[in-house]
Amino acid sequence: MGVTWGVSSCGGPSIPFRGGRRDATAAGRPGVPEPFQDLATHTEKFRQQGLSATEMITLVACGHTLGGVRSSDFPELVAPNPDRPGVDQFAFFDTTGAPDTPDAFDHSV
């Protein structure tokens, strides 16, 4: 929903939005693919959630543009702050949309 609104408010195309999955009656299978796993494993984990390879690529590409990494999940990538134990540090994958530049829109996506 945020992406749909953000793209539209920045003059981008109108993107149809339909919230939620109409077939979801319960939580899906656990198991998010890990960064060290191979492509076949990633593709299979997305397939088990009912997503095609094309949908997987779309979600991963957008997630890496909009998302980031928390120190509690990947301390080897984002060092915890010793002055603030228990408070997650966060590193954005793409700094063009970081909180210090909230009006930025990455037109190269």
Foldseek 3Di string as FASTA:
>chain_A
DVVQVLCVVVVHDRDDDDDDDPPDPDDADDDQDDPPDDPVVNQVVVVSVVDHPVVSVVVVVVCLQPHWDWCVVPCVVPPDDPVDPPDIDIDHSHVQCDPVNPNGDPPVD
